[in-house]
């Protein structure tokens, strides 16, 4: 091995984007969470997009050594977040140039660990890890396109999950309010960021808050890309519209908050939005806003304080967001005999 003295290095720059492992040899984040602690301590390859780059932290180790560490959050098409700790000084420095939703990384030989604070799996850079920025492979190009408009915030994730359920009537898992609260608790041992982080349920309950004719805000204006509420223009710099890369487009949608109650408790601040709200209310947004107040009142009492069959989607709480997010998918007045036969008594 001899030192190469060539002046022209441009021809070799493209090699920096070649992964050091076969392009198809990588775990998805869903694979990591699904296998959980059974792969703790294993070394895997990951193809991910950067979601967030944390600050550099100066750490004094148990052995008395001073070192630097940097945490990043990454995502892919299967999951919205996996924390990764960087320990190599060169990688830590390179991370200054990584852009959320734009930079794609092929991470070779990352060590998987159980993060006690987050109560979930995490990855860590090891002595044998190699980080390839923006790898020149088809899988990375597809991930980069997805990353630019992927829903990352909890409310956007909830909306996407709700829209992926075409027929809510297939949800027949009967639960009480207390059972929903127990399962959705951020401290639940089952909630580690994998498939158990969301679930659906059928509740036989009373609709105890449903303000169609009062002072509650019923609609909101949202960015079509990032789905965040906007006043005049999108201010989210991570969004193609907010950053000015695409022409602004906004939607006005229903955005109500309702409450469901049974003999075990109350679920408050449940989201009733978009097409689901139109289906339950029976009107589109532009039609509803022009209705007389007495018509809105009549529509309200169709469900308010009635025993209903309500199907909900629940996004469980996390250590960073203790309160669960709940979306109402469908609501119909329930048959008393059906309620008597199916309502849990505990």
C-alpha atoms as a PDB file:
ATOM      1  CA  UNK A   1       0.000   0.000   0.000  1.00  0.00           C
ATOM      2  CA  UNK A   2       1.460   3.329  -1.100  1.00  0.00           C
ATOM      3  CA  UNK A   3       0.300   6.903  -0.667  1.00  0.00           C
ATOM      4  CA  UNK A   4      -1.507   8.182  -3.783  1.00  0.00           C
ATOM      5  CA  UNK A   5      -0.253  11.617  -4.857  1.00  0.00           C
ATOM      6  CA  UNK A   6      -2.718  12.314  -7.678  1.00  0.00           C
ATOM      7  CA  UNK A   7      -3.903  15.900  -7.910  1.00  0.00           C
ATOM      8  CA  UNK A   8      -7.241  15.076  -9.559  1.00  0.00           C
ATOM      9  CA  UNK A   9      -9.521  13.573  -6.915  1.00  0.00           C
ATOM     10  CA  UNK A  10     -12.827  14.441  -8.617  1.00  0.00           C
ATOM     11  CA  UNK A  11     -12.952  11.052 -10.316  1.00  0.00           C
ATOM     12  CA  UNK A  12     -12.898   9.341  -6.919  1.00  0.00           C
ATOM     13  CA  UNK A  13     -15.563  11.434  -5.140  1.00  0.00           C
ATOM     14  CA  UNK A  14     -18.392   9.274  -6.509  1.00  0.00           C
ATOM     15  CA  UNK A  15     -16.898   6.309  -4.605  1.00  0.00           C
ATOM     16  CA  UNK A  16     -17.944   8.003  -1.358  1.00  0.00           C
ATOM     17  CA  UNK A  17     -21.552   7.198  -2.281  1.00  0.00           C
ATOM     18  CA  UNK A  18     -21.047   3.461  -2.777  1.00  0.00           C
ATOM     19  CA  UNK A  19     -22.263   1.418   0.235  1.00  0.00           C
ATOM     20  CA  UNK A  20     -19.736  -0.964   1.734  1.00  0.00           C
ATOM     21  CA  UNK A  21     -22.356  -3.714   1.904  1.00  0.00           C
ATOM     22  CA  UNK A  22     -24.757  -5.106  -0.749  1.00  0.00           C
ATOM     23  CA  UNK A  23     -27.470  -2.526  -1.455  1.00  0.00           C
ATOM     24  CA  UNK A  24     -30.284  -4.877  -0.424  1.00  0.00           C
ATOM     25  CA  UNK A  25     -28.611  -6.057   2.784  1.00  0.00           C
ATOM     26  CA  UNK A  26     -30.246  -3.887   5.433  1.00  0.00           C
ATOM     27  CA  UNK A  27     -32.828  -4.001   8.211  1.00  0.00           C
ATOM     28  CA  UNK A  28     -35.868  -1.739   8.150  1.00  0.00           C
ATOM     29  CA  UNK A  29     -36.710   0.137  11.346  1.00  0.00           C
ATOM     30  CA  UNK A  30     -39.862  -1.967  11.612  1.00  0.00           C
ATOM     31  CA  UNK A  31     -37.605  -5.072  11.600  1.00  0.00           C
ATOM     32  CA  UNK A  32     -35.636  -3.621  14.500  1.00  0.00           C
ATOM     33  CA  UNK A  33     -38.715  -2.923  16.616  1.00  0.00           C
ATOM     34  CA  UNK A  34     -40.391  -6.210  15.683  1.00  0.00           C
ATOM     35  CA  UNK A  35     -37.412  -8.287  16.811  1.00  0.00           C
ATOM     36  CA  UNK A  36     -36.842  -6.093  19.873  1.00  0.00           C
ATOM     37  CA  UNK A  37     -34.558  -7.363  22.595  1.00  0.00           C
ATOM     38  CA  UNK A  38     -33.986 -10.660  20.762  1.00  0.00           C
ATOM     39  CA  UNK A  39     -31.431  -8.835  18.550  1.00  0.00           C
ATOM     40  CA  UNK A  40     -29.940  -6.716  21.331  1.00  0.00           C
ATOM     41  CA  UNK A  41     -26.171  -6.536  20.824  1.00  0.00           C
ATOM     42  CA  UNK A  42     -26.393  -7.557  17.161  1.00  0.00           C
ATOM     43  CA  UNK A  43     -24.756  -5.573  14.322  1.00  0.00           C
ATOM     44  CA  UNK A  44     -27.037  -4.665  11.410  1.00  0.00           C
ATOM     45  CA  UNK A  45     -27.103  -2.450   8.338  1.00  0.00           C
ATOM     46  CA  UNK A  46     -29.708   0.315   8.053  1.00  0.00           C
ATOM     47  CA  UNK A  47     -30.927   2.468   5.162  1.00  0.00           C
ATOM     48  CA  UNK A  48     -32.543   5.549   6.686  1.00  0.00           C
ATOM     49  CA  UNK A  49     -33.360   9.218   6.179  1.00  0.00           C
ATOM     50  CA  UNK A  50     -32.314  11.871   8.680  1.00  0.00           C
ATOM     51  CA  UNK A  51     -35.165  13.256  10.753  1.00  0.00           C
ATOM     52  CA  UNK A  52     -33.273  15.323  13.333  1.00  0.00           C
ATOM     53  CA  UNK A  53     -29.635  16.039  14.254  1.00  0.00           C
ATOM     54  CA  UNK A  54     -28.983  16.752  17.926  1.00  0.00           C
ATOM     55  CA  UNK A  55     -26.220  18.867  19.461  1.00  0.00           C
ATOM     56  CA  UNK A  56     -22.768  17.560  20.322  1.00  0.00           C
ATOM     57  CA  UNK A  57     -22.577  16.369  23.929  1.00  0.00           C
ATOM     58  CA  UNK A  58     -19.370  16.190  25.950  1.00  0.00           C
ATOM     59  CA  UNK A  59     -19.370  13.074  28.125  1.00  0.00           C
ATOM     60  CA  UNK A  60     -17.134  11.944  30.982  1.00  0.00           C
ATOM     61  CA  UNK A  61     -17.133   8.143  30.896  1.00  0.00           C
ATOM     62  CA  UNK A  62     -17.020   5.741  33.840  1.00  0.00           C
ATOM     63  CA  UNK A  63     -13.400   4.961  32.951  1.00  0.00           C
ATOM     64  CA  UNK A  64     -12.467   8.630  33.363  1.00  0.00           C
ATOM     65  CA  UNK A  65     -12.184   9.363  29.643  1.00  0.00           C
ATOM     66  CA  UNK A  66     -13.665  12.493  28.055  1.00  0.00           C
ATOM     67  CA  UNK A  67     -15.405  11.978  24.723  1.00  0.00           C
ATOM     68  CA  UNK A  68     -18.047  13.475  22.444  1.00  0.00           C
ATOM     69  CA  UNK A  69     -21.397  11.991  21.470  1.00  0.00           C
ATOM     70  CA  UNK A  70     -24.180  13.086  19.151  1.00  0.00           C
ATOM     71  CA  UNK A  71     -27.703  11.697  18.895  1.00  0.00           C
ATOM     72  CA  UNK A  72     -29.658  11.710  15.658  1.00  0.00           C
ATOM     73  CA  UNK A  73     -33.163  10.520  14.846  1.00  0.00           C
ATOM     74  CA  UNK A  74     -33.754   8.646  11.595  1.00  0.00           C
ATOM     75  CA  UNK A  75     -36.785   7.175   9.822  1.00  0.00           C
ATOM     76  CA  UNK A  76     -37.775   5.109   6.810  1.00  0.00           C
ATOM     77  CA  UNK A  77     -40.937   3.953   5.027  1.00  0.00           C
ATOM     78  CA  UNK A  78     -41.778   1.519   7.836  1.00  0.00           C
ATOM     79  CA  UNK A  79     -41.411   3.652  10.979  1.00  0.00           C
ATOM     80  CA  UNK A  80     -41.112   7.318  11.923  1.00  0.00           C
ATOM     81  CA  UNK A  81     -38.188   7.174  14.310  1.00  0.00           C
ATOM     82  CA  UNK A  82     -35.133   5.274  15.533  1.00  0.00           C
ATOM     83  CA  UNK A  83     -32.588   7.039  17.776  1.00  0.00           C
ATOM     84  CA  UNK A  84     -28.921   6.560  16.867  1.00  0.00           C
ATOM     85  CA  UNK A  85     -25.863   7.587  18.895  1.00  0.00           C
ATOM     86  CA  UNK A  86     -22.730   8.686  17.033  1.00  0.00           C
ATOM     87  CA  UNK A  87     -19.346   8.287  18.763  1.00  0.00           C
ATOM     88  CA  UNK A  88     -16.763   8.678  16.005  1.00  0.00           C
ATOM     89  CA  UNK A  89     -15.389  12.226  15.917  1.00  0.00           C
ATOM     90  CA  UNK A  90     -15.354  12.315  12.106  1.00  0.00           C
ATOM     91  CA  UNK A  91     -18.984  11.159  11.851  1.00  0.00           C
ATOM     92  CA  UNK A  92     -20.033  13.653  14.522  1.00  0.00           C
ATOM     93  CA  UNK A  93     -18.455  16.442  12.476  1.00  0.00           C
ATOM     94  CA  UNK A  94     -19.996  15.255   9.197  1.00  0.00           C
ATOM     95  CA  UNK A  95     -23.439  15.321  10.792  1.00  0.00           C
ATOM     96  CA  UNK A  96     -23.290  19.154  10.760  1.00  0.00           C
ATOM     97  CA  UNK A  97     -24.090  18.981   7.037  1.00  0.00           C
ATOM     98  CA  UNK A  98     -26.933  16.451   7.266  1.00  0.00           C
ATOM     99  CA  UNK A  99     -30.336  17.905   6.360  1.00  0.00           C
ATOM    100  CA  UNK A 100     -33.604  16.570   7.801  1.00  0.00           C
ATOM    101  CA  UNK A 101     -35.832  14.964   5.155  1.00  0.00           C
ATOM    102  CA  UNK A 102     -33.049  15.278   2.554  1.00  0.00           C
ATOM    103  CA  UNK A 103     -29.993  13.318   3.691  1.00  0.00           C
ATOM    104  CA  UNK A 104     -30.164   9.530   3.298  1.00  0.00           C
ATOM    105  CA  UNK A 105     -27.667   7.306   5.109  1.00  0.00           C
ATOM    106  CA  UNK A 106     -26.533   3.730   4.615  1.00  0.00           C
ATOM    107  CA  UNK A 107     -25.274   2.699   8.060  1.00  0.00           C
ATOM    108  CA  UNK A 108     -23.154  -0.442   7.996  1.00  0.00           C
ATOM    109  CA  UNK A 109     -22.594  -2.500  11.154  1.00  0.00           C
ATOM    110  CA  UNK A 110     -24.563  -0.438  13.650  1.00  0.00           C
ATOM    111  CA  UNK A 111     -24.934  -2.002  17.084  1.00  0.00           C
ATOM    112  CA  UNK A 112     -28.509  -2.428  18.352  1.00  0.00           C
ATOM    113  CA  UNK A 113     -29.230  -1.641  22.000  1.00  0.00           C
ATOM    114  CA  UNK A 114     -32.160  -1.362  24.391  1.00  0.00           C
ATOM    115  CA  UNK A 115     -32.675   2.259  25.461  1.00  0.00           C
ATOM    116  CA  UNK A 116     -33.980   2.197  29.038  1.00  0.00           C
ATOM    117  CA  UNK A 117     -35.070   5.847  29.009  1.00  0.00           C
ATOM    118  CA  UNK A 118     -37.092   5.549  25.799  1.00  0.00           C
ATOM    119  CA  UNK A 119     -38.191   2.001  26.654  1.00  0.00           C
ATOM    120  CA  UNK A 120     -37.389   0.922  23.110  1.00  0.00           C
ATOM    121  CA  UNK A 121     -34.676  -0.135  20.726  1.00  0.00           C
ATOM    122  CA  UNK A 122     -31.886   2.200  19.593  1.00  0.00           C
ATOM    123  CA  UNK A 123     -28.720   1.942  17.510  1.00  0.00           C
ATOM    124  CA  UNK A 124     -25.191   3.021  18.252  1.00  0.00           C
ATOM    125  CA  UNK A 125     -22.102   3.606  16.135  1.00  0.00           C
ATOM    126  CA  UNK A 126     -19.346   1.082  16.804  1.00  0.00           C
ATOM    127  CA  UNK A 127     -15.652   0.787  15.937  1.00  0.00           C
ATOM    128  CA  UNK A 128     -16.539  -1.129  12.757  1.00  0.00           C
ATOM    129  CA  UNK A 129     -19.436   1.082  11.613  1.00  0.00           C
ATOM    130  CA  UNK A 130     -19.247   2.868   8.247  1.00  0.00           C
ATOM    131  CA  UNK A 131     -21.592   5.723   7.348  1.00  0.00           C
ATOM    132  CA  UNK A 132     -22.271   6.302   3.641  1.00  0.00           C
ATOM    133  CA  UNK A 133     -24.018   9.597   2.874  1.00  0.00           C
ATOM    134  CA  UNK A 134     -26.619   9.689   0.090  1.00  0.00           C
ATOM    135  CA  UNK A 135     -25.777   6.205  -1.258  1.00  0.00           C
ATOM    136  CA  UNK A 136     -26.025   5.767  -5.009  1.00  0.00           C
ATOM    137  CA  UNK A 137     -28.581   2.947  -5.002  1.00  0.00           C
ATOM    138  CA  UNK A 138     -32.251   2.794  -6.169  1.00  0.00           C
ATOM    139  CA  UNK A 139     -33.519   2.064  -2.652  1.00  0.00           C
ATOM    140  CA  UNK A 140     -31.993   5.311  -1.388  1.00  0.00           C
ATOM    141  CA  UNK A 141     -33.540   7.334  -4.213  1.00  0.00           C
ATOM    142  CA  UNK A 142     -36.991   5.947  -3.358  1.00  0.00           C
ATOM    143  CA  UNK A 143     -36.481   6.717   0.334  1.00  0.00           C
ATOM    144  CA  UNK A 144     -35.392  10.296  -0.442  1.00  0.00           C
ATOM    145  CA  UNK A 145     -38.600  10.921  -2.408  1.00  0.00           C
ATOM    146  CA  UNK A 146     -40.680   9.490   0.447  1.00  0.00           C
ATOM    147  CA  UNK A 147     -38.803  11.465   3.114  1.00  0.00           C
ATOM    148  CA  UNK A 148     -39.593  14.861   1.607  1.00  0.00           C
ATOM    149  CA  UNK A 149     -43.313  14.600   2.363  1.00  0.00           C
ATOM    150  CA  UNK A 150     -43.578  11.762   4.905  1.00  0.00           C
ATOM    151  CA  UNK A 151     -45.811  12.425   7.947  1.00  0.00           C
ATOM    152  CA  UNK A 152     -43.530  12.700  10.979  1.00  0.00           C
ATOM    153  CA  UNK A 153     -45.475  14.656  13.587  1.00  0.00           C
ATOM    154  CA  UNK A 154     -47.871  12.586  15.736  1.00  0.00           C
ATOM    155  CA  UNK A 155     -51.024  14.312  14.460  1.00  0.00           C
ATOM    156  CA  UNK A 156     -49.978  13.797  10.832  1.00  0.00           C
ATOM    157  CA  UNK A 157     -49.155  10.152  11.556  1.00  0.00           C
ATOM    158  CA  UNK A 158     -52.558   9.670  13.180  1.00  0.00           C
ATOM    159  CA  UNK A 159     -54.274  11.206  10.154  1.00  0.00           C
ATOM    160  CA  UNK A 160     -52.360   8.957   7.761  1.00  0.00           C
ATOM    161  CA  UNK A 161     -53.157   5.846   9.819  1.00  0.00           C
ATOM    162  CA  UNK A 162     -56.836   6.801   9.944  1.00  0.00           C
ATOM    163  CA  UNK A 163     -56.977   7.254   6.171  1.00  0.00           C
ATOM    164  CA  UNK A 164     -55.415   3.800   5.703  1.00  0.00           C
ATOM    165  CA  UNK A 165     -58.490   2.121   7.263  1.00  0.00           C
ATOM    166  CA  UNK A 166     -60.973   1.998   4.359  1.00  0.00           C
ATOM    167  CA  UNK A 167     -63.771   0.213   6.235  1.00  0.00           C
ATOM    168  CA  UNK A 168     -64.029   1.032   9.964  1.00  0.00           C
ATOM    169  CA  UNK A 169     -66.952  -1.398  10.313  1.00  0.00           C
ATOM    170  CA  UNK A 170     -64.394  -4.231  10.322  1.00  0.00           C
ATOM    171  CA  UNK A 171     -63.168  -3.029  13.744  1.00  0.00           C
ATOM    172  CA  UNK A 172     -64.890  -5.313  16.258  1.00  0.00           C
ATOM    173  CA  UNK A 173     -62.452  -5.360  19.180  1.00  0.00           C
ATOM    174  CA  UNK A 174     -64.806  -4.227  21.982  1.00  0.00           C
ATOM    175  CA  UNK A 175     -63.126  -2.293  24.809  1.00  0.00           C
ATOM    176  CA  UNK A 176     -64.150  -0.004  27.659  1.00  0.00           C
ATOM    177  CA  UNK A 177     -62.785   3.496  28.087  1.00  0.00           C
ATOM    178  CA  UNK A 178     -60.544   2.346  30.948  1.00  0.00           C
ATOM    179  CA  UNK A 179     -59.132  -0.508  28.879  1.00  0.00           C
ATOM    180  CA  UNK A 180     -58.245   1.971  26.113  1.00  0.00           C
ATOM    181  CA  UNK A 181     -56.554   4.279  28.622  1.00  0.00           C
ATOM    182  CA  UNK A 182     -54.580   1.410  30.191  1.00  0.00           C
ATOM    183  CA  UNK A 183     -53.316   0.117  26.861  1.00  0.00           C
ATOM    184  CA  UNK A 184     -52.492   3.599  25.533  1.00  0.00           C
ATOM    185  CA  UNK A 185     -50.532   4.585  28.652  1.00  0.00           C
ATOM    186  CA  UNK A 186     -46.998   5.832  27.914  1.00  0.00           C
ATOM    187  CA  UNK A 187     -45.713   3.610  30.715  1.00  0.00           C
ATOM    188  CA  UNK A 188     -47.151   0.426  29.262  1.00  0.00           C
ATOM    189  CA  UNK A 189     -44.491  -2.258  28.875  1.00  0.00           C
ATOM    190  CA  UNK A 190     -45.981  -3.165  25.474  1.00  0.00           C
ATOM    191  CA  UNK A 191     -45.467   0.298  24.037  1.00  0.00           C
ATOM    192  CA  UNK A 192     -41.892   0.253  22.763  1.00  0.00           C
ATOM    193  CA  UNK A 193     -42.314   1.943  19.404  1.00  0.00           C
ATOM    194  CA  UNK A 194     -43.231  -1.080  17.331  1.00  0.00           C
ATOM    195  CA  UNK A 195     -46.570  -2.367  16.060  1.00  0.00           C
ATOM    196  CA  UNK A 196     -48.129  -2.003  19.519  1.00  0.00           C
ATOM    197  CA  UNK A 197     -47.754   1.788  19.348  1.00  0.00           C
ATOM    198  CA  UNK A 198     -51.236   2.017  17.775  1.00  0.00           C
ATOM    199  CA  UNK A 199     -54.467   0.025  17.948  1.00  0.00           C
ATOM    200  CA  UNK A 200     -58.169   0.241  17.134  1.00  0.00           C
ATOM    201  CA  UNK A 201     -61.192  -0.368  19.354  1.00  0.00           C
ATOM    202  CA  UNK A 202     -64.998  -0.475  19.321  1.00  0.00           C
ATOM    203  CA  UNK A 203     -66.587   1.428  22.216  1.00  0.00           C
ATOM    204  CA  UNK A 204     -70.222   1.300  23.294  1.00  0.00           C
ATOM    205  CA  UNK A 205     -70.452   4.714  24.910  1.00  0.00           C
ATOM    206  CA  UNK A 206     -72.149   8.082  25.160  1.00  0.00           C
ATOM    207  CA  UNK A 207     -71.025  10.980  22.986  1.00  0.00           C
ATOM    208  CA  UNK A 208     -70.763  13.550  25.791  1.00  0.00           C
ATOM    209  CA  UNK A 209     -69.144  16.435  23.892  1.00  0.00           C
ATOM    210  CA  UNK A 210     -70.158  17.276  20.344  1.00  0.00           C
ATOM    211  CA  UNK A 211     -70.382  21.032  19.837  1.00  0.00           C
ATOM    212  CA  UNK A 212     -71.648  21.705  16.320  1.00  0.00           C
ATOM    213  CA  UNK A 213     -73.627  24.852  17.153  1.00  0.00           C
ATOM    214  CA  UNK A 214     -71.577  26.536  19.878  1.00  0.00           C
ATOM    215  CA  UNK A 215     -68.341  28.495  20.104  1.00  0.00           C
ATOM    216  CA  UNK A 216     -65.918  25.622  19.470  1.00  0.00           C
ATOM    217  CA  UNK A 217     -63.650  25.838  16.433  1.00  0.00           C
ATOM    218  CA  UNK A 218     -64.884  23.315  13.864  1.00  0.00           C
ATOM    219  CA  UNK A 219     -62.541  23.768  10.890  1.00  0.00           C
ATOM    220  CA  UNK A 220     -58.868  24.355  10.264  1.00  0.00           C
ATOM    221  CA  UNK A 221     -56.636  25.303   7.337  1.00  0.00           C
ATOM    222  CA  UNK A 222     -53.827  22.817   6.714  1.00  0.00           C
ATOM    223  CA  UNK A 223     -50.833  22.560   4.420  1.00  0.00           C
ATOM    224  CA  UNK A 224     -51.401  19.823   1.851  1.00  0.00           C
ATOM    225  CA  UNK A 225     -47.828  18.537   2.259  1.00  0.00           C
ATOM    226  CA  UNK A 226     -46.933  18.506   5.974  1.00  0.00           C
ATOM    227  CA  UNK A 227     -50.561  18.613   7.197  1.00  0.00           C
ATOM    228  CA  UNK A 228     -49.715  21.237   9.821  1.00  0.00           C
ATOM    229  CA  UNK A 229     -52.274  23.947  10.658  1.00  0.00           C
ATOM    230  CA  UNK A 230     -51.505  27.300   9.046  1.00  0.00           C
ATOM    231  CA  UNK A 231     -52.796  30.831   9.485  1.00  0.00           C
ATOM    232  CA  UNK A 232     -51.802  32.409   6.176  1.00  0.00           C
ATOM    233  CA  UNK A 233     -48.793  30.459   4.859  1.00  0.00           C
ATOM    234  CA  UNK A 234     -46.911  27.326   5.922  1.00  0.00           C
ATOM    235  CA  UNK A 235     -43.967  28.231   8.173  1.00  0.00           C
ATOM    236  CA  UNK A 236     -42.574  24.690   8.453  1.00  0.00           C
ATOM    237  CA  UNK A 237     -39.084  24.907   6.895  1.00  0.00           C
ATOM    238  CA  UNK A 238     -38.900  21.095   6.694  1.00  0.00           C
ATOM    239  CA  UNK A 239     -41.925  21.117   4.366  1.00  0.00           C
ATOM    240  CA  UNK A 240     -41.470  21.583   0.592  1.00  0.00           C
ATOM    241  CA  UNK A 241     -44.176  24.259   0.643  1.00  0.00           C
ATOM    242  CA  UNK A 242     -42.890  25.987   3.789  1.00  0.00           C
ATOM    243  CA  UNK A 243     -39.351  26.085   2.387  1.00  0.00           C
ATOM    244  CA  UNK A 244     -40.578  27.569  -0.882  1.00  0.00           C
ATOM    245  CA  UNK A 245     -39.665  24.562  -3.018  1.00  0.00           C
ATOM    246  CA  UNK A 246     -43.263  23.954  -4.123  1.00  0.00           C
ATOM    247  CA  UNK A 247     -46.307  26.101  -4.903  1.00  0.00           C
ATOM    248  CA  UNK A 248     -48.450  26.647  -1.759  1.00  0.00           C
ATOM    249  CA  UNK A 249     -51.603  24.547  -1.567  1.00  0.00           C
ATOM    250  CA  UNK A 250     -53.907  24.457   1.460  1.00  0.00           C
ATOM    251  CA  UNK A 251     -57.061  22.602   2.461  1.00  0.00           C
ATOM    252  CA  UNK A 252     -59.878  23.637   4.817  1.00  0.00           C
ATOM    253  CA  UNK A 253     -61.109  20.571   6.701  1.00  0.00           C
ATOM    254  CA  UNK A 254     -63.279  19.669   9.677  1.00  0.00           C
ATOM    255  CA  UNK A 255     -61.265  19.584  12.899  1.00  0.00           C
ATOM    256  CA  UNK A 256     -63.512  18.898  15.923  1.00  0.00           C
ATOM    257  CA  UNK A 257     -62.799  17.624  19.433  1.00  0.00           C
ATOM    258  CA  UNK A 258     -65.325  15.249  21.014  1.00  0.00           C
ATOM    259  CA  UNK A 259     -65.578  13.175  24.198  1.00  0.00           C
ATOM    260  CA  UNK A 260     -66.726   9.574  24.708  1.00  0.00           C
ATOM    261  CA  UNK A 261     -67.907   8.245  28.088  1.00  0.00           C
ATOM    262  CA  UNK A 262     -68.976   4.911  29.534  1.00  0.00           C
ATOM    263  CA  UNK A 263     -69.300   3.401  33.026  1.00  0.00           C
ATOM    264  CA  UNK A 264     -65.484   3.264  33.404  1.00  0.00           C
ATOM    265  CA  UNK A 265     -64.509   6.832  32.488  1.00  0.00           C
ATOM    266  CA  UNK A 266     -64.197   9.416  29.725  1.00  0.00           C
ATOM    267  CA  UNK A 267     -61.945   9.810  26.695  1.00  0.00           C
ATOM    268  CA  UNK A 268     -61.492  13.528  26.093  1.00  0.00           C
ATOM    269  CA  UNK A 269     -60.071  15.566  23.234  1.00  0.00           C
ATOM    270  CA  UNK A 270     -60.779  12.892  20.615  1.00  0.00           C
ATOM    271  CA  UNK A 271     -60.076  14.133  17.101  1.00  0.00           C
ATOM    272  CA  UNK A 272     -62.880  14.100  14.520  1.00  0.00           C
ATOM    273  CA  UNK A 273     -61.382  15.380  11.279  1.00  0.00           C
ATOM    274  CA  UNK A 274     -61.414  15.324   7.506  1.00  0.00           C
ATOM    275  CA  UNK A 275     -63.487  12.832   5.551  1.00  0.00           C
ATOM    276  CA  UNK A 276     -64.496  10.973   8.702  1.00  0.00           C
ATOM    277  CA  UNK A 277     -66.135  14.117  10.094  1.00  0.00           C
ATOM    278  CA  UNK A 278     -67.903  14.719   6.783  1.00  0.00           C
ATOM    279  CA  UNK A 279     -69.257  11.159   6.858  1.00  0.00           C
ATOM    280  CA  UNK A 280     -70.569  11.432  10.450  1.00  0.00           C
ATOM    281  CA  UNK A 281     -71.921  14.992  10.137  1.00  0.00           C
ATOM    282  CA  UNK A 282     -73.358  14.345   6.692  1.00  0.00           C
ATOM    283  CA  UNK A 283     -72.032  17.506   5.021  1.00  0.00           C
ATOM    284  CA  UNK A 284     -68.855  18.755   3.399  1.00  0.00           C
ATOM    285  CA  UNK A 285     -67.092  21.715   5.030  1.00  0.00           C
ATOM    286  CA  UNK A 286     -68.245  24.365   2.551  1.00  0.00           C
ATOM    287  CA  UNK A 287     -71.836  23.101   2.817  1.00  0.00           C
ATOM    288  CA  UNK A 288     -71.837  22.943   6.621  1.00  0.00           C
ATOM    289  CA  UNK A 289     -70.606  26.483   7.271  1.00  0.00           C
ATOM    290  CA  UNK A 290     -73.604  27.913   5.396  1.00  0.00           C
ATOM    291  CA  UNK A 291     -76.234  25.941   7.349  1.00  0.00           C
ATOM    292  CA  UNK A 292     -78.630  27.785   9.723  1.00  0.00           C
ATOM    293  CA  UNK A 293     -77.854  27.412  13.429  1.00  0.00           C
ATOM    294  CA  UNK A 294     -81.079  25.492  14.138  1.00  0.00           C
ATOM    295  CA  UNK A 295     -80.121  22.852  11.547  1.00  0.00           C
ATOM    296  CA  UNK A 296     -76.710  22.456  13.190  1.00  0.00           C
ATOM    297  CA  UNK A 297     -78.394  22.061  16.588  1.00  0.00           C
ATOM    298  CA  UNK A 298     -80.679  19.365  15.221  1.00  0.00           C
ATOM    299  CA  UNK A 299     -77.675  17.538  13.773  1.00  0.00           C
ATOM    300  CA  UNK A 300     -75.865  17.743  17.122  1.00  0.00           C
ATOM    301  CA  UNK A 301     -78.664  16.072  19.062  1.00  0.00           C
ATOM    302  CA  UNK A 302     -78.705  13.173  16.636  1.00  0.00           C
ATOM    303  CA  UNK A 303     -75.670  11.802  18.537  1.00  0.00           C
ATOM    304  CA  UNK A 304     -75.133  13.892  21.673  1.00  0.00           C
ATOM    305  CA  UNK A 305     -75.842  11.871  24.867  1.00  0.00           C
ATOM    306  CA  UNK A 306     -76.971   8.914  22.767  1.00  0.00           C
ATOM    307  CA  UNK A 307     -75.561   5.427  23.303  1.00  0.00           C
ATOM    308  CA  UNK A 308     -73.289   4.969  20.273  1.00  0.00           C
ATOM    309  CA  UNK A 309     -71.054   2.395  18.673  1.00  0.00           C
ATOM    310  CA  UNK A 310     -67.843   4.393  18.249  1.00  0.00           C
ATOM    311  CA  UNK A 311     -64.800   3.000  16.478  1.00  0.00           C
ATOM    312  CA  UNK A 312     -61.526   4.726  17.315  1.00  0.00           C
ATOM    313  CA  UNK A 313     -57.867   4.648  16.336  1.00  0.00           C
ATOM    314  CA  UNK A 314     -55.392   5.179  19.188  1.00  0.00           C
ATOM    315  CA  UNK A 315     -51.776   6.333  18.879  1.00  0.00           C
ATOM    316  CA  UNK A 316     -50.236   5.337  22.205  1.00  0.00           C
ATOM    317  CA  UNK A 317     -48.382   7.707  24.492  1.00  0.00           C
ATOM    318  CA  UNK A 318     -44.590   7.860  24.550  1.00  0.00           C
ATOM    319  CA  UNK A 319     -42.061   9.182  27.092  1.00  0.00           C
ATOM    320  CA  UNK A 320     -41.805  12.365  24.981  1.00  0.00           C
ATOM    321  CA  UNK A 321     -45.599  12.594  24.508  1.00  0.00           C
ATOM    322  CA  UNK A 322     -47.326  10.952  27.496  1.00  0.00           C
ATOM    323  CA  UNK A 323     -50.910  11.607  26.379  1.00  0.00           C
ATOM    324  CA  UNK A 324     -52.272   9.304  23.664  1.00  0.00           C
ATOM    325  CA  UNK A 325     -53.785  10.687  20.459  1.00  0.00           C
ATOM    326  CA  UNK A 326     -57.206   9.297  19.517  1.00  0.00           C
ATOM    327  CA  UNK A 327     -59.156   9.664  16.273  1.00  0.00           C
ATOM    328  CA  UNK A 328     -62.848   8.858  15.869  1.00  0.00           C
ATOM    329  CA  UNK A 329     -63.263   6.739  12.734  1.00  0.00           C
ATOM    330  CA  UNK A 330     -67.026   6.119  12.782  1.00  0.00           C
ATOM    331  CA  UNK A 331     -70.005   6.702  15.047  1.00  0.00           C
ATOM    332  CA  UNK A 332     -73.533   5.296  14.823  1.00  0.00           C
ATOM    333  CA  UNK A 333     -76.415   5.136  17.277  1.00  0.00           C
ATOM    334  CA  UNK A 334     -76.187   1.636  18.771  1.00  0.00           C
ATOM    335  CA  UNK A 335     -78.965  -0.902  19.064  1.00  0.00           C
ATOM    336  CA  UNK A 336     -79.803  -1.460  22.785  1.00  0.00           C
ATOM    337  CA  UNK A 337     -79.778  -5.247  22.378  1.00  0.00           C
ATOM    338  CA  UNK A 338     -76.338  -5.071  20.734  1.00  0.00           C
ATOM    339  CA  UNK A 339     -75.046  -2.942  23.600  1.00  0.00           C
ATOM    340  CA  UNK A 340     -76.465  -5.300  26.226  1.00  0.00           C
ATOM    341  CA  UNK A 341     -74.826  -8.286  24.527  1.00  0.00           C
ATOM    342  CA  UNK A 342     -71.404  -6.754  23.857  1.00  0.00           C
ATOM    343  CA  UNK A 343     -70.677  -4.054  26.467  1.00  0.00           C
ATOM    344  CA  UNK A 344     -67.942  -5.186  28.886  1.00  0.00           C
ATOM    345  CA  UNK A 345     -69.028  -4.772  32.512  1.00  0.00           C
ATOM    346  CA  UNK A 346     -65.514  -4.328  33.946  1.00  0.00           C
END
